[in-house]
PDB file of all heavy atoms in Angstrom:
ATOM      1  N   GLU A   1       0.803  -1.237   0.000  1.00  0.00           N
ATOM      2  CA  GLU A   1       0.000   0.000   0.000  1.00  0.00           C
ATOM      3  C   GLU A   1       0.830   1.279   0.000  1.00  0.00           C
ATOM      4  O   GLU A   1       0.301   2.374   0.158  1.00  0.00           O
ATOM      5  CB  GLU A   1      -0.991   0.020   1.173  1.00  0.00           C
ATOM      6  CG  GLU A   1      -2.050  -1.058   1.087  1.00  0.00           C
ATOM      7  CD  GLU A   1      -2.900  -0.959  -0.169  1.00  0.00           C
ATOM      8  OE1 GLU A   1      -3.344   0.137  -0.516  1.00  0.00           O
ATOM      9  OE2 GLU A   1      -3.122  -2.002  -0.811  1.00  0.00           O
ATOM     10  N   GLU A   2       2.147   1.175  -0.145  1.00  0.00           N
ATOM     11  CA  GLU A   2       3.007   2.357  -0.190  1.00  0.00           C
ATOM     12  C   GLU A   2       3.394   2.637  -1.640  1.00  0.00           C
ATOM     13  O   GLU A   2       3.812   1.728  -2.360  1.00  0.00           O
ATOM     14  CB  GLU A   2       4.258   2.129   0.660  1.00  0.00           C
ATOM     15  CG  GLU A   2       5.129   3.346   0.763  1.00  0.00           C
ATOM     16  CD  GLU A   2       6.289   3.150   1.742  1.00  0.00           C
ATOM     17  OE1 GLU A   2       6.527   2.003   2.178  1.00  0.00           O
ATOM     18  OE2 GLU A   2       6.946   4.144   2.051  1.00  0.00           O
ATOM     19  N   LEU A   3       3.263   3.889  -2.058  1.00  0.00           N
ATOM     20  CA  LEU A   3       3.589   4.274  -3.429  1.00  0.00           C
ATOM     21  C   LEU A   3       5.090   4.178  -3.651  1.00  0.00           C
ATOM     22  O   LEU A   3       5.885   4.770  -2.921  1.00  0.00           O
ATOM     23  CB  LEU A   3       3.097   5.698  -3.708  1.00  0.00           C
ATOM     24  CG  LEU A   3       3.276   6.213  -5.127  1.00  0.00           C
ATOM     25  CD1 LEU A   3       2.464   5.372  -6.122  1.00  0.00           C
ATOM     26  CD2 LEU A   3       2.843   7.674  -5.217  1.00  0.00           C
ATOM     27  N   VAL A   4       5.467   3.407  -4.650  1.00  0.00           N
ATOM     28  CA  VAL A   4       6.872   3.217  -5.005  1.00  0.00           C
ATOM     29  C   VAL A   4       7.237   4.140  -6.163  1.00  0.00           C
ATOM     30  O   VAL A   4       8.266   4.809  -6.150  1.00  0.00           O
ATOM     31  CB  VAL A   4       7.140   1.743  -5.390  1.00  0.00           C
ATOM     32  CG1 VAL A   4       8.549   1.552  -5.906  1.00  0.00           C
ATOM     33  CG2 VAL A   4       6.854   0.832  -4.209  1.00  0.00           C
ATOM     34  N   ALA A   5       6.368   4.180  -7.167  1.00  0.00           N
ATOM     35  CA  ALA A   5       6.608   5.010  -8.350  1.00  0.00           C
ATOM     36  C   ALA A   5       5.287   5.205  -9.082  1.00  0.00           C
ATOM     37  O   ALA A   5       4.308   4.491  -8.839  1.00  0.00           O
ATOM     38  CB  ALA A   5       7.628   4.351  -9.280  1.00  0.00           C
ATOM     39  N   GLY A   6       5.289   6.163  -9.975  1.00  0.00           N
ATOM     40  CA  GLY A   6       4.088   6.381 -10.760  1.00  0.00           C
ATOM     41  C   GLY A   6       4.286   7.471 -11.792  1.00  0.00           C
ATOM     42  O   GLY A   6       5.309   8.158 -11.804  1.00  0.00           O
ATOM     43  N   TYR A   7       3.327   7.596 -12.656  1.00  0.00           N
ATOM     44  CA  TYR A   7       3.321   8.698 -13.610  1.00  0.00           C
ATOM     45  C   TYR A   7       1.887   9.039 -13.956  1.00  0.00           C
ATOM     46  O   TYR A   7       0.970   8.254 -13.761  1.00  0.00           O
ATOM     47  CB  TYR A   7       4.144   8.403 -14.862  1.00  0.00           C
ATOM     48  CG  TYR A   7       3.704   7.220 -15.674  1.00  0.00           C
ATOM     49  CD1 TYR A   7       2.768   7.360 -16.698  1.00  0.00           C
ATOM     50  CD2 TYR A   7       4.229   5.962 -15.448  1.00  0.00           C
ATOM     51  CE1 TYR A   7       2.361   6.276 -17.447  1.00  0.00           C
ATOM     52  CE2 TYR A   7       3.837   4.869 -16.192  1.00  0.00           C
ATOM     53  CZ  TYR A   7       2.905   5.033 -17.196  1.00  0.00           C
ATOM     54  OH  TYR A   7       2.500   3.958 -17.936  1.00  0.00           O
ATOM     55  N   LYS A   8       1.737  10.256 -14.420  1.00  0.00           N
ATOM     56  CA  LYS A   8       0.418  10.758 -14.788  1.00  0.00           C
ATOM     57  C   LYS A   8       0.423  11.065 -16.278  1.00  0.00           C
ATOM     58  O   LYS A   8       1.409  11.543 -16.830  1.00  0.00           O
ATOM     59  CB  LYS A   8       0.127  12.034 -14.001  1.00  0.00           C
ATOM     60  CG  LYS A   8      -1.169  12.716 -14.388  1.00  0.00           C
ATOM     61  CD  LYS A   8      -1.399  13.970 -13.564  1.00  0.00           C
ATOM     62  CE  LYS A   8      -0.422  15.041 -13.945  1.00  0.00           C
ATOM     63  NZ  LYS A   8      -0.705  16.344 -13.343  1.00  0.00           N
ATOM     64  N   PHE A   9      -0.687  10.756 -16.912  1.00  0.00           N
ATOM     65  CA  PHE A   9      -0.879  11.171 -18.299  1.00  0.00           C
ATOM     66  C   PHE A   9      -2.311  11.639 -18.441  1.00  0.00           C
ATOM     67  O   PHE A   9      -3.155  11.421 -17.575  1.00  0.00           O
ATOM     68  CB  PHE A   9      -0.552  10.050 -19.291  1.00  0.00           C
ATOM     69  CG  PHE A   9      -1.440   8.846 -19.178  1.00  0.00           C
ATOM     70  CD1 PHE A   9      -2.625   8.763 -19.908  1.00  0.00           C
ATOM     71  CD2 PHE A   9      -1.090   7.785 -18.362  1.00  0.00           C
ATOM     72  CE1 PHE A   9      -3.439   7.649 -19.805  1.00  0.00           C
ATOM     73  CE2 PHE A   9      -1.902   6.663 -18.258  1.00  0.00           C
ATOM     74  CZ  PHE A   9      -3.080   6.598 -18.975  1.00  0.00           C
ATOM     75  N   TYR A  10      -2.570  12.325 -19.522  1.00  0.00           N
ATOM     76  CA  TYR A  10      -3.916  12.832 -19.785  1.00  0.00           C
ATOM     77  C   TYR A  10      -4.483  12.141 -21.012  1.00  0.00           C
ATOM     78  O   TYR A  10      -3.792  11.965 -22.011  1.00  0.00           O
ATOM     79  CB  TYR A  10      -3.890  14.342 -20.030  1.00  0.00           C
ATOM     80  CG  TYR A  10      -3.503  15.138 -18.821  1.00  0.00           C
ATOM     81  CD1 TYR A  10      -2.199  15.560 -18.634  1.00  0.00           C
ATOM     82  CD2 TYR A  10      -4.445  15.470 -17.856  1.00  0.00           C
ATOM     83  CE1 TYR A  10      -1.839  16.300 -17.522  1.00  0.00           C
ATOM     84  CE2 TYR A  10      -4.086  16.204 -16.736  1.00  0.00           C
ATOM     85  CZ  TYR A  10      -2.783  16.620 -16.582  1.00  0.00           C
ATOM     86  OH  TYR A  10      -2.453  17.345 -15.478  1.00  0.00           O
ATOM     87  N   LEU A  11      -5.753  11.765 -20.917  1.00  0.00           N
ATOM     88  CA  LEU A  11      -6.474  11.190 -22.052  1.00  0.00           C
ATOM     89  C   LEU A  11      -7.454  12.240 -22.541  1.00  0.00           C
ATOM     90  O   LEU A  11      -8.254  12.759 -21.758  1.00  0.00           O
ATOM     91  CB  LEU A  11      -7.214   9.923 -21.635  1.00  0.00           C
ATOM     92  CG  LEU A  11      -8.080   9.270 -22.713  1.00  0.00           C
ATOM     93  CD1 LEU A  11      -7.214   8.759 -23.868  1.00  0.00           C
ATOM     94  CD2 LEU A  11      -8.903   8.150 -22.122  1.00  0.00           C
ATOM     95  N   GLY A  12      -7.363  12.556 -23.815  1.00  0.00           N
ATOM     96  CA  GLY A  12      -8.262  13.536 -24.396  1.00  0.00           C
ATOM     97  C   GLY A  12      -9.139  12.917 -25.465  1.00  0.00           C
ATOM     98  O   GLY A  12      -8.701  12.047 -26.219  1.00  0.00           O
ATOM     99  N   LYS A  13     -10.388  13.335 -25.492  1.00  0.00           N
ATOM    100  CA  LYS A  13     -11.333  12.897 -26.527  1.00  0.00           C
ATOM    101  C   LYS A  13     -12.098  14.122 -26.993  1.00  0.00           C
ATOM    102  O   LYS A  13     -12.442  14.986 -26.198  1.00  0.00           O
ATOM    103  CB  LYS A  13     -12.317  11.862 -25.982  1.00  0.00           C
ATOM    104  CG  LYS A  13     -11.693  10.547 -25.625  1.00  0.00           C
ATOM    105  CD  LYS A  13     -12.732   9.540 -25.196  1.00  0.00           C
ATOM    106  CE  LYS A  13     -12.059   8.219 -24.854  1.00  0.00           C
ATOM    107  NZ  LYS A  13     -13.021   7.178 -24.570  1.00  0.00           N
ATOM    108  N   SER A  14     -12.386  14.150 -28.258  1.00  0.00           N
ATOM    109  CA  SER A  14     -13.154  15.257 -28.793  1.00  0.00           C
ATOM    110  C   SER A  14     -14.586  15.182 -28.279  1.00  0.00           C
ATOM    111  O   SER A  14     -15.216  14.133 -28.311  1.00  0.00           O
ATOM    112  CB  SER A  14     -13.148  15.215 -30.321  1.00  0.00           C
ATOM    113  OG  SER A  14     -14.001  16.213 -30.825  1.00  0.00           O
ATOM    114  N   THR A  15     -15.083  16.302 -27.806  1.00  0.00           N
ATOM    115  CA  THR A  15     -16.478  16.356 -27.362  1.00  0.00           C
ATOM    116  C   THR A  15     -17.374  16.973 -28.439  1.00  0.00           C
ATOM    117  O   THR A  15     -18.590  16.987 -28.292  1.00  0.00           O
ATOM    118  CB  THR A  15     -16.608  17.182 -26.075  1.00  0.00           C
ATOM    119  OG1 THR A  15     -16.081  18.483 -26.311  1.00  0.00           O
ATOM    120  CG2 THR A  15     -15.858  16.514 -24.938  1.00  0.00           C
ATOM    121  N   LYS A  16     -16.760  17.453 -29.507  1.00  0.00           N
ATOM    122  CA  LYS A  16     -17.530  18.097 -30.569  1.00  0.00           C
ATOM    123  C   LYS A  16     -17.880  17.146 -31.705  1.00  0.00           C
ATOM    124  O   LYS A  16     -18.750  17.437 -32.512  1.00  0.00           O
ATOM    125  CB  LYS A  16     -16.751  19.288 -31.119  1.00  0.00           C
ATOM    126  CG  LYS A  16     -16.540  20.370 -30.082  1.00  0.00           C
ATOM    127  CD  LYS A  16     -15.749  21.517 -30.637  1.00  0.00           C
ATOM    128  CE  LYS A  16     -15.526  22.559 -29.545  1.00  0.00           C
ATOM    129  NZ  LYS A  16     -14.738  23.663 -30.001  1.00  0.00           N
ATOM    130  N   LEU A  17     -17.197  16.021 -31.756  1.00  0.00           N
ATOM    131  CA  LEU A  17     -17.421  15.068 -32.832  1.00  0.00           C
ATOM    132  C   LEU A  17     -18.380  13.967 -32.376  1.00  0.00           C
ATOM    133  O   LEU A  17     -18.503  13.703 -31.185  1.00  0.00           O
ATOM    134  CB  LEU A  17     -16.089  14.437 -33.250  1.00  0.00           C
ATOM    135  CG  LEU A  17     -15.040  15.411 -33.796  1.00  0.00           C
ATOM    136  CD1 LEU A  17     -13.717  14.688 -33.974  1.00  0.00           C
ATOM    137  CD2 LEU A  17     -15.485  16.008 -35.110  1.00  0.00           C
ATOM    138  N   PRO A  18     -19.035  13.300 -33.306  1.00  0.00           N
ATOM    139  CA  PRO A  18     -19.888  12.161 -32.931  1.00  0.00           C
ATOM    140  C   PRO A  18     -19.067  11.109 -32.183  1.00  0.00           C
ATOM    141  O   PRO A  18     -17.858  11.005 -32.366  1.00  0.00           O
ATOM    142  CB  PRO A  18     -20.389  11.628 -34.269  1.00  0.00           C
ATOM    143  CG  PRO A  18     -20.223  12.750 -35.233  1.00  0.00           C
ATOM    144  CD  PRO A  18     -19.067  13.574 -34.738  1.00  0.00           C
ATOM    145  N   SER A  19     -19.727  10.320 -31.358  1.00  0.00           N
ATOM    146  CA  SER A  19     -19.019   9.390 -30.472  1.00  0.00           C
ATOM    147  C   SER A  19     -18.097   8.423 -31.207  1.00  0.00           C
ATOM    148  O   SER A  19     -17.021   8.109 -30.727  1.00  0.00           O
ATOM    149  CB  SER A  19     -20.014   8.609 -29.618  1.00  0.00           C
ATOM    150  OG  SER A  19     -20.852   7.839 -30.443  1.00  0.00           O
ATOM    151  N   ILE A  20     -18.497   7.934 -32.362  1.00  0.00           N
ATOM    152  CA  ILE A  20     -17.640   6.998 -33.103  1.00  0.00           C
ATOM    153  C   ILE A  20     -16.344   7.663 -33.536  1.00  0.00           C
ATOM    154  O   ILE A  20     -15.274   7.083 -33.455  1.00  0.00           O
ATOM    155  CB  ILE A  20     -18.382   6.370 -34.321  1.00  0.00           C
ATOM    156  CG1 ILE A  20     -17.526   5.280 -34.976  1.00  0.00           C
ATOM    157  CG2 ILE A  20     -18.724   7.422 -35.351  1.00  0.00           C
ATOM    158  CD1 ILE A  20     -17.532   3.998 -34.217  1.00  0.00           C
ATOM    159  N   ILE A  21     -16.429   8.914 -33.932  1.00  0.00           N
ATOM    160  CA  ILE A  21     -15.231   9.634 -34.361  1.00  0.00           C
ATOM    161  C   ILE A  21     -14.411  10.078 -33.155  1.00  0.00           C
ATOM    162  O   ILE A  21     -13.183  10.046 -33.189  1.00  0.00           O
ATOM    163  CB  ILE A  21     -15.607  10.836 -35.251  1.00  0.00           C
ATOM    164  CG1 ILE A  21     -16.275  10.333 -36.532  1.00  0.00           C
ATOM    165  CG2 ILE A  21     -14.385  11.673 -35.590  1.00  0.00           C
ATOM    166  CD1 ILE A  21     -16.843  11.413 -37.412  1.00  0.00           C
ATOM    167  N   SER A  22     -15.068  10.460 -32.075  1.00  0.00           N
ATOM    168  CA  SER A  22     -14.319  10.909 -30.901  1.00  0.00           C
ATOM    169  C   SER A  22     -13.486   9.782 -30.305  1.00  0.00           C
ATOM    170  O   SER A  22     -12.399  10.012 -29.783  1.00  0.00           O
ATOM    171  CB  SER A  22     -15.243  11.515 -29.853  1.00  0.00           C
ATOM    172  OG  SER A  22     -16.073  10.544 -29.284  1.00  0.00           O
ATOM    173  N   SER A  23     -13.981   8.536 -30.397  1.00  0.00           N
ATOM    174  CA  SER A  23     -13.185   7.422 -29.883  1.00  0.00           C
ATOM    175  C   SER A  23     -11.947   7.194 -30.751  1.00  0.00           C
ATOM    176  O   SER A  23     -10.905   6.788 -30.248  1.00  0.00           O
ATOM    177  CB  SER A  23     -14.024   6.156 -29.793  1.00  0.00           C
ATOM    178  OG  SER A  23     -14.443   5.749 -31.068  1.00  0.00           O
ATOM    179  N   ILE A  24     -12.059   7.478 -32.039  1.00  0.00           N
ATOM    180  CA  ILE A  24     -10.910   7.347 -32.940  1.00  0.00           C
ATOM    181  C   ILE A  24      -9.923   8.489 -32.719  1.00  0.00           C
ATOM    182  O   ILE A  24      -8.724   8.324 -32.855  1.00  0.00           O
ATOM    183  CB  ILE A  24     -11.381   7.312 -34.414  1.00  0.00           C
ATOM    184  CG1 ILE A  24     -12.216   6.068 -34.657  1.00  0.00           C
ATOM    185  CG2 ILE A  24     -10.209   7.364 -35.369  1.00  0.00           C
ATOM    186  CD1 ILE A  24     -12.918   6.057 -36.000  1.00  0.00           C
ATOM    187  N   SER A  25     -10.432   9.651 -32.374  1.00  0.00           N
ATOM    188  CA  SER A  25      -9.571  10.827 -32.231  1.00  0.00           C
ATOM    189  C   SER A  25      -8.974  10.962 -30.824  1.00  0.00           C
ATOM    190  O   SER A  25      -8.365  11.979 -30.519  1.00  0.00           O
ATOM    191  CB  SER A  25     -10.353  12.095 -32.564  1.00  0.00           C
ATOM    192  OG  SER A  25     -11.333  12.352 -31.572  1.00  0.00           O
ATOM    193  N   SER A  26      -9.125   9.963 -29.981  1.00  0.00           N
ATOM    194  CA  SER A  26      -8.550  10.012 -28.636  1.00  0.00           C
ATOM    195  C   SER A  26      -7.040  10.170 -28.716  1.00  0.00           C
ATOM    196  O   SER A  26      -6.394   9.660 -29.625  1.00  0.00           O
ATOM    197  CB  SER A  26      -8.860   8.733 -27.869  1.00  0.00           C
ATOM    198  OG  SER A  26     -10.238   8.581 -27.710  1.00  0.00           O
ATOM    199  N   HIS A  27      -6.497  10.875 -27.741  1.00  0.00           N
ATOM    200  CA  HIS A  27      -5.046  11.043 -27.690  1.00  0.00           C
ATOM    201  C   HIS A  27      -4.575  11.065 -26.233  1.00  0.00           C
ATOM    202  O   HIS A  27      -5.335  11.385 -25.328  1.00  0.00           O
ATOM    203  CB  HIS A  27      -4.616  12.317 -28.414  1.00  0.00           C
ATOM    204  CG  HIS A  27      -5.161  13.568 -27.791  1.00  0.00           C
ATOM    205  ND1 HIS A  27      -6.446  14.002 -28.031  1.00  0.00           N
ATOM    206  CD2 HIS A  27      -4.627  14.444 -26.918  1.00  0.00           C
ATOM    207  CE1 HIS A  27      -6.661  15.116 -27.342  1.00  0.00           C
ATOM    208  NE2 HIS A  27      -5.584  15.403 -26.656  1.00  0.00           N
ATOM    209  N   VAL A  28      -3.332  10.696 -26.054  1.00  0.00           N
ATOM    210  CA  VAL A  28      -2.722  10.652 -24.733  1.00  0.00           C
ATOM    211  C   VAL A  28      -1.579  11.659 -24.707  1.00  0.00           C
ATOM    212  O   VAL A  28      -0.803  11.755 -25.657  1.00  0.00           O
ATOM    213  CB  VAL A  28      -2.189   9.234 -24.428  1.00  0.00           C
ATOM    214  CG1 VAL A  28      -1.393   9.207 -23.146  1.00  0.00           C
ATOM    215  CG2 VAL A  28      -3.332   8.246 -24.364  1.00  0.00           C
ATOM    216  N   THR A  29      -1.494  12.408 -23.598  1.00  0.00           N
ATOM    217  CA  THR A  29      -0.445  13.407 -23.430  1.00  0.00           C
ATOM    218  C   THR A  29       0.316  13.120 -22.139  1.00  0.00           C
ATOM    219  O   THR A  29      -0.289  12.969 -21.084  1.00  0.00           O
ATOM    220  CB  THR A  29      -1.049  14.828 -23.347  1.00  0.00           C
ATOM    221  OG1 THR A  29      -1.848  15.060 -24.504  1.00  0.00           O
ATOM    222  CG2 THR A  29       0.028  15.875 -23.269  1.00  0.00           C
ATOM    223  N   PHE A  30       1.647  13.031 -22.248  1.00  0.00           N
ATOM    224  CA  PHE A  30       2.518  12.842 -21.091  1.00  0.00           C
ATOM    225  C   PHE A  30       3.296  14.119 -20.844  1.00  0.00           C
ATOM    226  O   PHE A  30       3.745  14.772 -21.790  1.00  0.00           O
ATOM    227  CB  PHE A  30       3.550  11.730 -21.353  1.00  0.00           C
ATOM    228  CG  PHE A  30       2.985  10.357 -21.302  1.00  0.00           C
ATOM    229  CD1 PHE A  30       2.453   9.767 -22.437  1.00  0.00           C
ATOM    230  CD2 PHE A  30       3.013   9.640 -20.126  1.00  0.00           C
ATOM    231  CE1 PHE A  30       1.949   8.488 -22.400  1.00  0.00           C
ATOM    232  CE2 PHE A  30       2.511   8.348 -20.080  1.00  0.00           C
ATOM    233  CZ  PHE A  30       1.980   7.771 -21.215  1.00  0.00           C
ATOM    234  N   PHE A  31       3.479  14.478 -19.588  1.00  0.00           N
ATOM    235  CA  PHE A  31       4.335  15.596 -19.202  1.00  0.00           C
ATOM    236  C   PHE A  31       5.316  15.092 -18.156  1.00  0.00           C
ATOM    237  O   PHE A  31       4.929  14.421 -17.207  1.00  0.00           O
ATOM    238  CB  PHE A  31       3.524  16.737 -18.580  1.00  0.00           C
ATOM    239  CG  PHE A  31       2.589  17.416 -19.527  1.00  0.00           C
ATOM    240  CD1 PHE A  31       1.228  17.293 -19.375  1.00  0.00           C
ATOM    241  CD2 PHE A  31       3.067  18.177 -20.581  1.00  0.00           C
ATOM    242  CE1 PHE A  31       0.347  17.923 -20.227  1.00  0.00           C
ATOM    243  CE2 PHE A  31       2.203  18.810 -21.453  1.00  0.00           C
ATOM    244  CZ  PHE A  31       0.841  18.681 -21.271  1.00  0.00           C
ATOM    245  N   GLY A  32       6.561  15.427 -18.310  1.00  0.00           N
ATOM    246  CA  GLY A  32       7.550  15.085 -17.290  1.00  0.00           C
ATOM    247  C   GLY A  32       7.924  13.621 -17.287  1.00  0.00           C
ATOM    248  O   GLY A  32       7.673  12.887 -18.223  1.00  0.00           O
ATOM    249  N   GLU A  33       8.548  13.221 -16.203  1.00  0.00           N
ATOM    250  CA  GLU A  33       9.036  11.865 -16.021  1.00  0.00           C
ATOM    251  C   GLU A  33       8.296  11.211 -14.865  1.00  0.00           C
ATOM    252  O   GLU A  33       7.662  11.902 -14.072  1.00  0.00           O
ATOM    253  CB  GLU A  33      10.534  11.900 -15.718  1.00  0.00           C
ATOM    254  CG  GLU A  33      11.353  12.531 -16.821  1.00  0.00           C
ATOM    255  CD  GLU A  33      12.813  12.708 -16.434  1.00  0.00           C
ATOM    256  OE1 GLU A  33      13.157  12.451 -15.256  1.00  0.00           O
ATOM    257  OE2 GLU A  33      13.598  13.092 -17.288  1.00  0.00           O
ATOM    258  N   PRO A  34       8.419   9.912 -14.728  1.00  0.00           N
ATOM    259  CA  PRO A  34       7.772   9.251 -13.589  1.00  0.00           C
ATOM    260  C   PRO A  34       8.322   9.773 -12.263  1.00  0.00           C
ATOM    261  O   PRO A  34       9.444  10.279 -12.197  1.00  0.00           O
ATOM    262  CB  PRO A  34       8.137   7.774 -13.769  1.00  0.00           C
ATOM    263  CG  PRO A  34       8.512   7.635 -15.196  1.00  0.00           C
ATOM    264  CD  PRO A  34       9.079   8.949 -15.616  1.00  0.00           C
ATOM    265  N   ILE A  35       7.520   9.645 -11.225  1.00  0.00           N
ATOM    266  CA  ILE A  35       7.988   9.978  -9.884  1.00  0.00           C
ATOM    267  C   ILE A  35       8.452   8.700  -9.199  1.00  0.00           C
ATOM    268  O   ILE A  35       7.925   7.617  -9.476  1.00  0.00           O
ATOM    269  CB  ILE A  35       6.900  10.697  -9.054  1.00  0.00           C
ATOM    270  CG1 ILE A  35       5.658   9.825  -8.883  1.00  0.00           C
ATOM    271  CG2 ILE A  35       6.552  12.038  -9.678  1.00  0.00           C
ATOM    272  CD1 ILE A  35       4.647  10.390  -7.898  1.00  0.00           C
TER     273      ILE A  35
END
C-alpha cells in the first residue's frame, strides 16, 4: 500500500465530434518523467 513510483498522463477525446469519431480521435499526453 506504499507508493513506489508512478506517472500521470492525460487522455483527451473530442467532445464536438460524434461518439464513433471521438473514440478514434482520442489522444494521450505525457508531461515530465515518472515519480
